[in-house]
Amino acid sequence: MSESIKVPSWAVPLVAAIIPAAIAWGTMQAQAQATDEEVAKVSKVVEKLETTTTDNSVRTKLNEQAIQTIADGLAQQTEISKATDEKLGTLIEIMLKERR
């Protein structure tokens, strides 16, 4: 006697549909896993970029503060120079008056 598996004719299309569905499901699972790995890589890059950006922001603020300090110092120096010029001019005038 020969043993064989008998499949009803109505189940043939069902089995034929299950095989591609299983292949598609497996493909989707592999794609999801690859996407998860890619998301993890991108997350690491974003975290590193965020740290770098924060460092750059701090450096920029420090640079702005240093530039402002330098500008304030130059403004003070300009005022001191004007006062010194006025005093020097007055001194020269006094010396010229004394020579006459």
N, C-alpha and C. Protein backbone atom coordinates (compact mmCIF):
# COMPACT_ATOMS: atom_id res chain seq x y z
N MET A 1 0.81 -1.17 0.00
CA MET A 1 0.00 0.00 0.00
C MET A 1 0.86 1.25 0.00
N SER A 2 0.36 2.11 -0.69
CA SER A 2 1.06 3.38 -0.82
C SER A 2 0.37 4.41 0.06
N GLU A 3 1.22 5.03 0.85
CA GLU A 3 0.67 6.08 1.72
C GLU A 3 0.92 7.43 1.05
N SER A 4 -0.08 8.24 1.02
CA SER A 4 0.07 9.57 0.44
C SER A 4 -0.80 10.56 1.21
N ILE A 5 -0.40 11.78 1.09
CA ILE A 5 -1.18 12.83 1.76
C ILE A 5 -2.20 13.33 0.75
N LYS A 6 -3.39 13.33 1.20
CA LYS A 6 -4.45 13.82 0.32
C LYS A 6 -4.92 15.18 0.84
N VAL A 7 -4.91 16.13 -0.04
CA VAL A 7 -5.34 17.47 0.30
C VAL A 7 -6.63 17.74 -0.46
N PRO A 8 -7.61 18.24 0.24
CA PRO A 8 -8.86 18.55 -0.47
C PRO A 8 -8.61 19.66 -1.50
N SER A 9 -9.34 19.65 -2.56
CA SER A 9 -9.12 20.60 -3.64
C SER A 9 -9.40 22.04 -3.19
N TRP A 10 -10.27 22.23 -2.25
CA TRP A 10 -10.54 23.59 -1.78
C TRP A 10 -9.37 24.16 -0.95
N ALA A 11 -8.48 23.28 -0.41
CA ALA A 11 -7.37 23.73 0.42
C ALA A 11 -6.13 24.09 -0.41
N VAL A 12 -6.09 23.68 -1.67
CA VAL A 12 -4.93 23.96 -2.51
C VAL A 12 -4.69 25.47 -2.65
N PRO A 13 -5.70 26.27 -2.97
CA PRO A 13 -5.45 27.71 -3.05
C PRO A 13 -5.03 28.30 -1.69
N LEU A 14 -5.57 27.73 -0.61
CA LEU A 14 -5.23 28.21 0.72
C LEU A 14 -3.75 27.94 1.02
N VAL A 15 -3.27 26.75 0.72
CA VAL A 15 -1.87 26.40 0.92
C VAL A 15 -1.00 27.25 0.00
N ALA A 16 -1.46 27.46 -1.22
CA ALA A 16 -0.71 28.26 -2.18
C ALA A 16 -0.61 29.72 -1.69
N ALA A 17 -1.59 30.18 -0.95
CA ALA A 17 -1.55 31.56 -0.43
C ALA A 17 -0.72 31.64 0.84
N ILE A 18 -0.68 30.58 1.62
CA ILE A 18 0.06 30.59 2.89
C ILE A 18 1.58 30.67 2.63
N ILE A 19 2.06 29.99 1.62
CA ILE A 19 3.51 29.98 1.34
C ILE A 19 4.03 31.38 1.03
N PRO A 20 3.45 32.13 0.10
CA PRO A 20 3.95 33.49 -0.13
C PRO A 20 3.76 34.40 1.10
N ALA A 21 2.68 34.17 1.84
CA ALA A 21 2.45 34.97 3.04
C ALA A 21 3.55 34.72 4.06
N ALA A 22 3.97 33.48 4.22
CA ALA A 22 5.05 33.15 5.15
C ALA A 22 6.37 33.78 4.68
N ILE A 23 6.61 33.74 3.39
CA ILE A 23 7.83 34.36 2.85
C ILE A 23 7.79 35.88 3.09
N ALA A 24 6.65 36.49 2.83
CA ALA A 24 6.51 37.94 3.04
C ALA A 24 6.69 38.28 4.52
N TRP A 25 6.11 37.46 5.40
CA TRP A 25 6.24 37.70 6.84
C TRP A 25 7.72 37.62 7.26
N GLY A 26 8.43 36.61 6.77
CA GLY A 26 9.85 36.46 7.08
C GLY A 26 10.66 37.66 6.58
N THR A 27 10.33 38.11 5.37
CA THR A 27 11.02 39.27 4.81
C THR A 27 10.76 40.52 5.64
N MET A 28 9.51 40.70 6.06
CA MET A 28 9.17 41.86 6.88
C MET A 28 9.90 41.81 8.23
N GLN A 29 10.03 40.63 8.80
CA GLN A 29 10.74 40.49 10.07
C GLN A 29 12.22 40.86 9.91
N ALA A 30 12.83 40.41 8.83
CA ALA A 30 14.24 40.73 8.57
C ALA A 30 14.40 42.23 8.34
N GLN A 31 13.46 42.82 7.61
CA GLN A 31 13.50 44.26 7.35
C GLN A 31 13.33 45.04 8.65
N ALA A 32 12.44 44.59 9.52
CA ALA A 32 12.22 45.26 10.80
C ALA A 32 13.47 45.19 11.67
N GLN A 33 14.13 44.04 11.67
CA GLN A 33 15.36 43.90 12.45
C GLN A 33 16.45 44.82 11.91
N ALA A 34 16.58 44.88 10.59
CA ALA A 34 17.58 45.77 9.98
C ALA A 34 17.25 47.23 10.29
N THR A 35 15.98 47.58 10.28
CA THR A 35 15.57 48.94 10.60
C THR A 35 15.89 49.26 12.06
N ASP A 36 15.64 48.32 12.96
CA ASP A 36 15.97 48.54 14.37
C ASP A 36 17.46 48.77 14.56
N GLU A 37 18.28 48.00 13.87
CA GLU A 37 19.73 48.19 13.96
C GLU A 37 20.13 49.56 13.43
N GLU A 38 19.52 49.97 12.32
CA GLU A 38 19.82 51.27 11.73
C GLU A 38 19.38 52.40 12.67
N VAL A 39 18.23 52.24 13.30
CA VAL A 39 17.74 53.24 14.25
C VAL A 39 18.71 53.36 15.42
N ALA A 40 19.23 52.25 15.90
CA ALA A 40 20.18 52.28 17.00
C ALA A 40 21.45 53.03 16.59
N LYS A 41 21.94 52.79 15.38
CA LYS A 41 23.13 53.49 14.89
C LYS A 41 22.87 55.00 14.78
N VAL A 42 21.74 55.35 14.21
CA VAL A 42 21.39 56.76 14.04
C VAL A 42 21.23 57.43 15.41
N SER A 43 20.65 56.72 16.37
CA SER A 43 20.48 57.28 17.72
C SER A 43 21.84 57.61 18.33
N LYS A 44 22.80 56.71 18.17
CA LYS A 44 24.14 56.98 18.70
C LYS A 44 24.76 58.21 18.05
N VAL A 45 24.60 58.32 16.73
CA VAL A 45 25.15 59.46 16.01
C VAL A 45 24.48 60.76 16.48
N VAL A 46 23.16 60.71 16.67
CA VAL A 46 22.43 61.90 17.11
C VAL A 46 22.87 62.31 18.50
N GLU A 47 23.05 61.35 19.40
CA GLU A 47 23.52 61.67 20.76
C GLU A 47 24.90 62.31 20.72
N LYS A 48 25.78 61.76 19.88
CA LYS A 48 27.13 62.32 19.75
C LYS A 48 27.06 63.73 19.17
N LEU A 49 26.22 63.91 18.18
CA LEU A 49 26.05 65.22 17.56
C LEU A 49 25.48 66.22 18.56
N GLU A 50 24.55 65.78 19.39
CA GLU A 50 23.97 66.66 20.41
C GLU A 50 25.04 67.12 21.39
N THR A 51 25.91 66.20 21.80
CA THR A 51 27.00 66.56 22.71
C THR A 51 27.94 67.56 22.04
N THR A 52 28.27 67.31 20.79
CA THR A 52 29.16 68.21 20.05
C THR A 52 28.51 69.58 19.89
N THR A 53 27.23 69.60 19.57
CA THR A 53 26.51 70.86 19.40
C THR A 53 26.48 71.64 20.70
N THR A 54 26.25 70.94 21.81
CA THR A 54 26.24 71.59 23.12
C THR A 54 27.61 72.19 23.41
N ASP A 55 28.67 71.43 23.13
CA ASP A 55 30.03 71.94 23.33
C ASP A 55 30.27 73.18 22.47
N ASN A 56 29.82 73.14 21.23
CA ASN A 56 29.99 74.28 20.33
C ASN A 56 29.21 75.49 20.82
N SER A 57 28.00 75.25 21.35
CA SER A 57 27.20 76.36 21.88
C SER A 57 27.90 77.02 23.05
N VAL A 58 28.47 76.20 23.93
CA VAL A 58 29.18 76.74 25.08
C VAL A 58 30.39 77.54 24.61
N ARG A 59 31.12 77.00 23.65
CA ARG A 59 32.29 77.71 23.12
C ARG A 59 31.87 79.03 22.47
N THR A 60 30.77 79.00 21.74
CA THR A 60 30.29 80.21 21.09
C THR A 60 29.92 81.27 22.12
N LYS A 61 29.23 80.85 23.18
CA LYS A 61 28.86 81.81 24.23
C LYS A 61 30.10 82.37 24.91
N LEU A 62 31.08 81.53 25.16
CA LEU A 62 32.32 82.01 25.77
C LEU A 62 33.04 82.98 24.84
N ASN A 63 33.05 82.67 23.54
CA ASN A 63 33.67 83.58 22.58
C ASN A 63 32.94 84.92 22.54
N GLU A 64 31.61 84.88 22.56
CA GLU A 64 30.83 86.12 22.56
C GLU A 64 31.15 86.94 23.81
N GLN A 65 31.25 86.26 24.93
CA GLN A 65 31.56 86.95 26.18
C GLN A 65 32.97 87.57 26.11
N ALA A 66 33.92 86.83 25.57
CA ALA A 66 35.29 87.35 25.45
C ALA A 66 35.33 88.55 24.51
N ILE A 67 34.61 88.46 23.41
CA ILE A 67 34.57 89.57 22.45
C ILE A 67 33.95 90.80 23.10
N GLN A 68 32.88 90.60 23.87
CA GLN A 68 32.24 91.72 24.55
C GLN A 68 33.19 92.35 25.56
N THR A 69 33.92 91.51 26.30
CA THR A 69 34.89 92.02 27.27
C THR A 69 35.98 92.83 26.57
N ILE A 70 36.47 92.34 25.44
CA ILE A 70 37.49 93.06 24.68
C ILE A 70 36.93 94.38 24.17
N ALA A 71 35.70 94.35 23.67
CA ALA A 71 35.08 95.58 23.15
C ALA A 71 34.91 96.60 24.28
N ASP A 72 34.47 96.15 25.45
CA ASP A 72 34.32 97.05 26.59
C ASP A 72 35.68 97.63 26.99
N GLY A 73 36.71 96.80 27.00
CA GLY A 73 38.06 97.26 27.33
C GLY A 73 38.55 98.30 26.34
N LEU A 74 38.29 98.07 25.05
CA LEU A 74 38.69 99.04 24.03
C LEU A 74 37.93 100.35 24.18
N ALA A 75 36.66 100.27 24.55
CA ALA A 75 35.87 101.49 24.76
C ALA A 75 36.44 102.28 25.93
N GLN A 76 36.81 101.59 27.00
CA GLN A 76 37.41 102.27 28.15
C GLN A 76 38.75 102.88 27.75
N GLN A 77 39.50 102.14 26.99
CA GLN A 77 40.81 102.64 26.56
C GLN A 77 40.65 103.89 25.70
N THR A 78 39.63 103.91 24.86
CA THR A 78 39.37 105.07 24.02
C THR A 78 39.03 106.29 24.89
N GLU A 79 38.19 106.07 25.91
CA GLU A 79 37.83 107.17 26.82
C GLU A 79 39.06 107.68 27.57
N ILE A 80 39.90 106.77 28.01
CA ILE A 80 41.13 107.16 28.71
C ILE A 80 42.05 107.95 27.77
N SER A 81 42.13 107.48 26.52
CA SER A 81 42.97 108.19 25.53
C SER A 81 42.46 109.60 25.30
N LYS A 82 41.14 109.76 25.20
CA LYS A 82 40.57 111.10 25.00
C LYS A 82 40.91 112.00 26.18
N ALA A 83 40.73 111.49 27.40
CA ALA A 83 41.04 112.28 28.59
C ALA A 83 42.53 112.64 28.63
N THR A 84 43.37 111.70 28.28
CA THR A 84 44.82 111.94 28.26
C THR A 84 45.17 112.98 27.20
N ASP A 85 44.55 112.88 26.04
CA ASP A 85 44.80 113.86 24.97
C ASP A 85 44.39 115.26 25.42
N GLU A 86 43.25 115.36 26.09
CA GLU A 86 42.79 116.66 26.58
C GLU A 86 43.78 117.23 27.60
N LYS A 87 44.22 116.39 28.52
CA LYS A 87 45.18 116.84 29.53
C LYS A 87 46.51 117.23 28.90
N LEU A 88 46.95 116.45 27.92
CA LEU A 88 48.20 116.75 27.23
C LEU A 88 48.08 118.06 26.46
N GLY A 89 46.95 118.27 25.83
CA GLY A 89 46.70 119.52 25.09
C GLY A 89 46.72 120.71 26.03
N THR A 90 46.08 120.55 27.18
CA THR A 90 46.08 121.63 28.18
C THR A 90 47.50 121.91 28.66
N LEU A 91 48.27 120.89 28.91
CA LEU A 91 49.65 121.04 29.36
C LEU A 91 50.49 121.77 28.32
N ILE A 92 50.32 121.42 27.06
CA ILE A 92 51.07 122.07 25.98
C ILE A 92 50.69 123.55 25.90
N GLU A 93 49.39 123.84 26.03
CA GLU A 93 48.96 125.24 26.00
C GLU A 93 49.58 126.03 27.15
N ILE A 94 49.61 125.45 28.35
CA ILE A 94 50.21 126.13 29.51
C ILE A 94 51.70 126.37 29.26
N MET A 95 52.38 125.38 28.71
CA MET A 95 53.82 125.53 28.45
C MET A 95 54.07 126.62 27.41
N LEU A 96 53.22 126.68 26.39
CA LEU A 96 53.38 127.70 25.35
C LEU A 96 53.12 129.10 25.93
N LYS A 97 52.15 129.23 26.81
CA LYS A 97 51.85 130.51 27.44
C LYS A 97 53.00 130.95 28.32
N GLU A 98 53.63 130.04 29.00
CA GLU A 98 54.75 130.38 29.88
C GLU A 98 55.98 130.84 29.08
N ARG A 99 56.18 130.32 27.90
CA ARG A 99 57.33 130.70 27.08
C ARG A 99 57.18 132.10 26.51
N ARG A 100 56.02 132.61 26.40
CA ARG A 100 55.81 133.91 25.80
C ARG A 100 56.17 134.95 26.72
